[in-house]
Amino acid sequence: MPAIPESTKISLAQRLREHAKQNWSQLAAVHVRYHGQFAYVTGELADGDQMPLMRLRYGGSAHRWGAAIYVASTNSYENQIWLSGSTEEAFDFVCHIHVGPIAP
């Protein structure tokens, strides 16, 4: 698989940060780091604590990614199959697991 283009890296991080800002008020920040064909997404809480959320695998296009959920008990990522959906939908899914629902 080719390396993730710089423009895709910038776009992905911007989209996830904006999505978190609008939908996940529990997160003070979202950090994305890259290694090879992977993008590692971490959420930061208001107290500064950081939690790994997911790993995205570049699929050759800015809109094609595989997703893996971070599993704290094994300190590893568990691959998921996403038949359709966006990275923002995958982000929502993992936030429901790791961050919890927003209180009404």
N, C-alpha and C. Protein backbone atom coordinates (compact mmCIF):
# COMPACT_ATOMS: atom_id res chain seq x y z
N MET A 1 0.85 -1.17 0.00
CA MET A 1 0.00 0.00 0.00
C MET A 1 0.90 1.24 0.00
N PRO A 2 0.53 2.24 -0.80
CA PRO A 2 1.34 3.46 -0.83
C PRO A 2 1.25 4.24 0.48
N ALA A 3 2.23 5.09 0.70
CA ALA A 3 2.24 5.93 1.90
C ALA A 3 1.06 6.90 1.85
N ILE A 4 0.65 7.37 2.99
CA ILE A 4 -0.45 8.32 3.07
C ILE A 4 0.06 9.68 2.59
N PRO A 5 -0.58 10.26 1.56
CA PRO A 5 -0.15 11.58 1.09
C PRO A 5 -0.32 12.64 2.18
N GLU A 6 0.53 13.63 2.18
CA GLU A 6 0.48 14.70 3.18
C GLU A 6 -0.87 15.40 3.17
N SER A 7 -1.45 15.63 2.01
CA SER A 7 -2.75 16.29 1.94
C SER A 7 -3.84 15.46 2.60
N THR A 8 -3.76 14.15 2.49
CA THR A 8 -4.74 13.26 3.13
C THR A 8 -4.55 13.27 4.64
N LYS A 9 -3.30 13.31 5.09
CA LYS A 9 -3.03 13.39 6.52
C LYS A 9 -3.65 14.65 7.12
N ILE A 10 -3.44 15.77 6.45
CA ILE A 10 -3.98 17.05 6.93
C ILE A 10 -5.50 17.02 6.93
N SER A 11 -6.08 16.54 5.85
CA SER A 11 -7.54 16.49 5.72
C SER A 11 -8.17 15.59 6.78
N LEU A 12 -7.61 14.41 6.98
CA LEU A 12 -8.15 13.47 7.97
C LEU A 12 -8.14 14.10 9.36
N ALA A 13 -7.02 14.65 9.76
CA ALA A 13 -6.91 15.25 11.09
C ALA A 13 -7.89 16.41 11.25
N GLN A 14 -8.01 17.24 10.25
CA GLN A 14 -8.94 18.37 10.32
C GLN A 14 -10.38 17.89 10.45
N ARG A 15 -10.76 16.89 9.65
CA ARG A 15 -12.14 16.38 9.69
C ARG A 15 -12.45 15.76 11.05
N LEU A 16 -11.54 14.96 11.59
CA LEU A 16 -11.79 14.33 12.89
C LEU A 16 -11.85 15.36 14.01
N ARG A 17 -10.98 16.35 13.97
CA ARG A 17 -10.99 17.39 15.01
C ARG A 17 -12.28 18.19 14.97
N GLU A 18 -12.71 18.57 13.79
CA GLU A 18 -13.95 19.33 13.64
C GLU A 18 -15.15 18.50 14.07
N HIS A 19 -15.16 17.24 13.70
CA HIS A 19 -16.26 16.36 14.08
C HIS A 19 -16.32 16.20 15.60
N ALA A 20 -15.18 16.03 16.24
CA ALA A 20 -15.13 15.90 17.70
C ALA A 20 -15.60 17.19 18.37
N LYS A 21 -15.18 18.31 17.84
CA LYS A 21 -15.57 19.61 18.41
C LYS A 21 -17.10 19.77 18.38
N GLN A 22 -17.73 19.30 17.32
CA GLN A 22 -19.17 19.45 17.17
C GLN A 22 -19.97 18.38 17.90
N ASN A 23 -19.38 17.20 18.12
CA ASN A 23 -20.16 16.06 18.62
C ASN A 23 -19.67 15.43 19.92
N TRP A 24 -18.46 15.72 20.34
CA TRP A 24 -17.89 15.06 21.51
C TRP A 24 -17.28 16.10 22.45
N SER A 25 -18.14 16.80 23.18
CA SER A 25 -17.69 17.87 24.07
C SER A 25 -16.80 17.35 25.21
N GLN A 26 -16.84 16.04 25.48
CA GLN A 26 -15.99 15.47 26.53
C GLN A 26 -14.51 15.50 26.12
N LEU A 27 -14.25 15.62 24.84
CA LEU A 27 -12.87 15.63 24.35
C LEU A 27 -12.38 17.07 24.20
N ALA A 28 -11.27 17.36 24.84
CA ALA A 28 -10.66 18.68 24.72
C ALA A 28 -9.87 18.79 23.42
N ALA A 29 -9.38 17.65 22.92
CA ALA A 29 -8.59 17.64 21.70
C ALA A 29 -8.58 16.24 21.11
N VAL A 30 -8.25 16.18 19.83
CA VAL A 30 -8.05 14.91 19.13
C VAL A 30 -6.68 14.99 18.48
N HIS A 31 -5.87 13.96 18.71
CA HIS A 31 -4.53 13.91 18.14
C HIS A 31 -4.46 12.76 17.13
N VAL A 32 -3.81 13.02 16.01
CA VAL A 32 -3.63 11.99 14.99
C VAL A 32 -2.14 11.93 14.68
N ARG A 33 -1.56 10.75 14.81
CA ARG A 33 -0.15 10.56 14.43
C ARG A 33 -0.10 9.46 13.37
N TYR A 34 0.92 9.48 12.58
CA TYR A 34 1.01 8.58 11.43
C TYR A 34 2.27 7.73 11.50
N HIS A 35 2.11 6.50 11.08
CA HIS A 35 3.26 5.59 10.97
C HIS A 35 2.95 4.66 9.79
N GLY A 36 3.71 4.81 8.73
CA GLY A 36 3.48 3.99 7.54
C GLY A 36 2.08 4.22 6.99
N GLN A 37 1.34 3.14 6.81
CA GLN A 37 -0.01 3.25 6.25
C GLN A 37 -1.08 3.44 7.32
N PHE A 38 -0.66 3.69 8.57
CA PHE A 38 -1.59 3.81 9.69
C PHE A 38 -1.70 5.23 10.21
N ALA A 39 -2.92 5.58 10.66
CA ALA A 39 -3.19 6.82 11.39
C ALA A 39 -3.72 6.41 12.76
N TYR A 40 -3.04 6.82 13.81
CA TYR A 40 -3.43 6.49 15.18
C TYR A 40 -4.16 7.69 15.77
N VAL A 41 -5.37 7.47 16.25
CA VAL A 41 -6.22 8.55 16.75
C VAL A 41 -6.35 8.42 18.26
N THR A 42 -6.02 9.52 18.96
CA THR A 42 -6.07 9.58 20.42
C THR A 42 -6.96 10.75 20.83
N GLY A 43 -7.79 10.53 21.84
CA GLY A 43 -8.61 11.60 22.39
C GLY A 43 -7.98 12.13 23.66
N GLU A 44 -8.10 13.43 23.88
CA GLU A 44 -7.59 14.07 25.09
C GLU A 44 -8.76 14.63 25.88
N LEU A 45 -8.84 14.27 27.16
CA LEU A 45 -9.89 14.76 28.04
C LEU A 45 -9.49 16.12 28.62
N ALA A 46 -10.46 16.80 29.23
CA ALA A 46 -10.22 18.13 29.79
C ALA A 46 -9.10 18.14 30.83
N ASP A 47 -8.92 17.05 31.56
CA ASP A 47 -7.87 16.99 32.59
C ASP A 47 -6.49 16.65 32.02
N GLY A 48 -6.42 16.52 30.69
CA GLY A 48 -5.14 16.23 30.05
C GLY A 48 -4.87 14.77 29.79
N ASP A 49 -5.67 13.89 30.40
CA ASP A 49 -5.50 12.46 30.15
C ASP A 49 -5.76 12.16 28.68
N GLN A 50 -4.93 11.29 28.12
CA GLN A 50 -5.10 10.88 26.72
C GLN A 50 -5.46 9.41 26.65
N MET A 51 -6.35 9.09 25.70
CA MET A 51 -6.76 7.70 25.54
C MET A 51 -6.70 7.32 24.06
N PRO A 52 -6.01 6.23 23.76
CA PRO A 52 -6.04 5.74 22.38
C PRO A 52 -7.47 5.36 22.02
N LEU A 53 -7.89 5.70 20.82
CA LEU A 53 -9.25 5.38 20.39
C LEU A 53 -9.28 4.36 19.26
N MET A 54 -8.50 4.64 18.20
CA MET A 54 -8.55 3.75 17.04
C MET A 54 -7.32 3.93 16.18
N ARG A 55 -7.17 2.95 15.29
CA ARG A 55 -6.12 2.99 14.28
C ARG A 55 -6.81 2.86 12.93
N LEU A 56 -6.48 3.75 12.03
CA LEU A 56 -7.02 3.68 10.67
C LEU A 56 -5.93 3.21 9.73
N ARG A 57 -6.29 2.33 8.81
CA ARG A 57 -5.35 1.83 7.81
C ARG A 57 -5.72 2.46 6.47
N TYR A 58 -4.76 3.16 5.88
CA TYR A 58 -4.98 3.83 4.60
C TYR A 58 -5.28 2.81 3.51
N GLY A 59 -6.36 3.06 2.76
CA GLY A 59 -6.78 2.15 1.71
C GLY A 59 -6.50 2.66 0.31
N GLY A 60 -5.60 3.65 0.18
CA GLY A 60 -5.25 4.15 -1.14
C GLY A 60 -6.02 5.37 -1.58
N SER A 61 -6.95 5.83 -0.75
CA SER A 61 -7.77 6.98 -1.08
C SER A 61 -8.12 7.71 0.22
N ALA A 62 -8.35 9.01 0.14
CA ALA A 62 -8.70 9.79 1.33
C ALA A 62 -10.01 9.33 1.96
N HIS A 63 -10.81 8.58 1.20
CA HIS A 63 -12.11 8.15 1.70
C HIS A 63 -12.21 6.63 1.87
N ARG A 64 -11.06 5.96 1.82
CA ARG A 64 -11.05 4.49 2.00
C ARG A 64 -10.07 4.12 3.10
N TRP A 65 -10.63 3.71 4.23
CA TRP A 65 -9.82 3.37 5.39
C TRP A 65 -10.36 2.10 6.03
N GLY A 66 -9.48 1.31 6.59
CA GLY A 66 -9.88 0.22 7.46
C GLY A 66 -9.75 0.73 8.88
N ALA A 67 -10.51 0.18 9.80
CA ALA A 67 -10.49 0.68 11.17
C ALA A 67 -10.20 -0.44 12.15
N ALA A 68 -9.52 -0.08 13.22
CA ALA A 68 -9.25 -0.99 14.32
C ALA A 68 -9.51 -0.24 15.62
N ILE A 69 -10.24 -0.87 16.52
CA ILE A 69 -10.58 -0.26 17.81
C ILE A 69 -9.49 -0.59 18.82
N TYR A 70 -9.10 0.40 19.62
CA TYR A 70 -8.13 0.16 20.67
C TYR A 70 -8.80 -0.65 21.79
N VAL A 71 -8.12 -1.70 22.25
CA VAL A 71 -8.61 -2.55 23.34
C VAL A 71 -7.62 -2.42 24.49
N ALA A 72 -8.04 -1.75 25.57
CA ALA A 72 -7.15 -1.48 26.69
C ALA A 72 -6.66 -2.75 27.38
N SER A 73 -7.52 -3.75 27.48
CA SER A 73 -7.14 -4.97 28.20
C SER A 73 -5.98 -5.71 27.56
N THR A 74 -5.79 -5.53 26.26
CA THR A 74 -4.68 -6.19 25.57
C THR A 74 -3.64 -5.18 25.07
N ASN A 75 -3.93 -3.88 25.29
CA ASN A 75 -3.06 -2.81 24.82
C ASN A 75 -2.73 -2.97 23.34
N SER A 76 -3.78 -3.27 22.57
CA SER A 76 -3.60 -3.48 21.13
C SER A 76 -4.86 -3.02 20.40
N TYR A 77 -4.83 -3.17 19.09
CA TYR A 77 -5.95 -2.76 18.25
C TYR A 77 -6.62 -3.99 17.65
N GLU A 78 -7.95 -3.97 17.63
CA GLU A 78 -8.73 -5.07 17.07
C GLU A 78 -9.34 -4.60 15.75
N ASN A 79 -8.96 -5.26 14.67
CA ASN A 79 -9.47 -4.87 13.35
C ASN A 79 -10.97 -5.02 13.27
N GLN A 80 -11.59 -4.10 12.57
CA GLN A 80 -13.03 -4.11 12.33
C GLN A 80 -13.26 -4.10 10.83
N ILE A 81 -14.41 -4.58 10.43
CA ILE A 81 -14.77 -4.54 9.01
C ILE A 81 -15.82 -3.46 8.85
N TRP A 82 -15.52 -2.47 8.06
CA TRP A 82 -16.47 -1.39 7.78
C TRP A 82 -16.92 -1.55 6.35
N LEU A 83 -18.15 -1.96 6.16
CA LEU A 83 -18.66 -2.16 4.81
C LEU A 83 -18.96 -0.84 4.14
N SER A 84 -19.36 0.13 4.90
CA SER A 84 -19.60 1.47 4.38
C SER A 84 -19.46 2.44 5.54
N GLY A 85 -19.41 3.68 5.25
CA GLY A 85 -19.33 4.68 6.30
C GLY A 85 -18.05 5.47 6.22
N SER A 86 -18.05 6.56 6.95
CA SER A 86 -16.93 7.49 6.93
C SER A 86 -16.02 7.29 8.14
N THR A 87 -14.89 7.95 8.12
CA THR A 87 -14.00 7.92 9.27
C THR A 87 -14.68 8.59 10.47
N GLU A 88 -15.53 9.56 10.22
CA GLU A 88 -16.26 10.22 11.30
C GLU A 88 -17.24 9.24 11.96
N GLU A 89 -17.87 8.38 11.18
CA GLU A 89 -18.76 7.37 11.75
C GLU A 89 -17.98 6.35 12.57
N ALA A 90 -16.81 5.97 12.10
CA ALA A 90 -15.95 5.07 12.87
C ALA A 90 -15.52 5.75 14.17
N PHE A 91 -15.20 7.03 14.10
CA PHE A 91 -14.81 7.80 15.27
C PHE A 91 -15.95 7.83 16.29
N ASP A 92 -17.19 8.07 15.82
CA ASP A 92 -18.34 8.06 16.71
C ASP A 92 -18.48 6.71 17.40
N PHE A 93 -18.31 5.65 16.65
CA PHE A 93 -18.44 4.30 17.20
C PHE A 93 -17.45 4.08 18.33
N VAL A 94 -16.18 4.40 18.11
CA VAL A 94 -15.18 4.17 19.15
C VAL A 94 -15.36 5.13 20.32
N CYS A 95 -15.84 6.34 20.06
CA CYS A 95 -16.09 7.27 21.17
C CYS A 95 -17.23 6.78 22.05
N HIS A 96 -18.25 6.18 21.46
CA HIS A 96 -19.33 5.61 22.26
C HIS A 96 -18.78 4.53 23.19
N ILE A 97 -17.78 3.81 22.76
CA ILE A 97 -17.17 2.75 23.57
C ILE A 97 -16.22 3.33 24.62
N HIS A 98 -15.32 4.22 24.21
CA HIS A 98 -14.27 4.69 25.09
C HIS A 98 -14.60 5.95 25.89
N VAL A 99 -15.39 6.84 25.31
CA VAL A 99 -15.68 8.12 25.94
C VAL A 99 -17.03 8.08 26.64
N GLY A 100 -17.98 7.39 26.05
CA GLY A 100 -19.32 7.29 26.61
C GLY A 100 -20.25 8.32 26.01
N PRO A 101 -21.54 8.10 26.18
CA PRO A 101 -22.51 9.02 25.59
C PRO A 101 -22.48 10.39 26.26
N ILE A 102 -22.87 11.38 25.52
CA ILE A 102 -22.97 12.73 26.05
C ILE A 102 -24.21 12.81 26.94
N ALA A 103 -24.04 13.35 28.13
CA ALA A 103 -25.17 13.46 29.06
C ALA A 103 -26.17 14.48 28.52
N PRO A 104 -27.48 14.22 28.69
CA PRO A 104 -28.49 15.16 28.18
C PRO A 104 -28.50 16.45 28.96
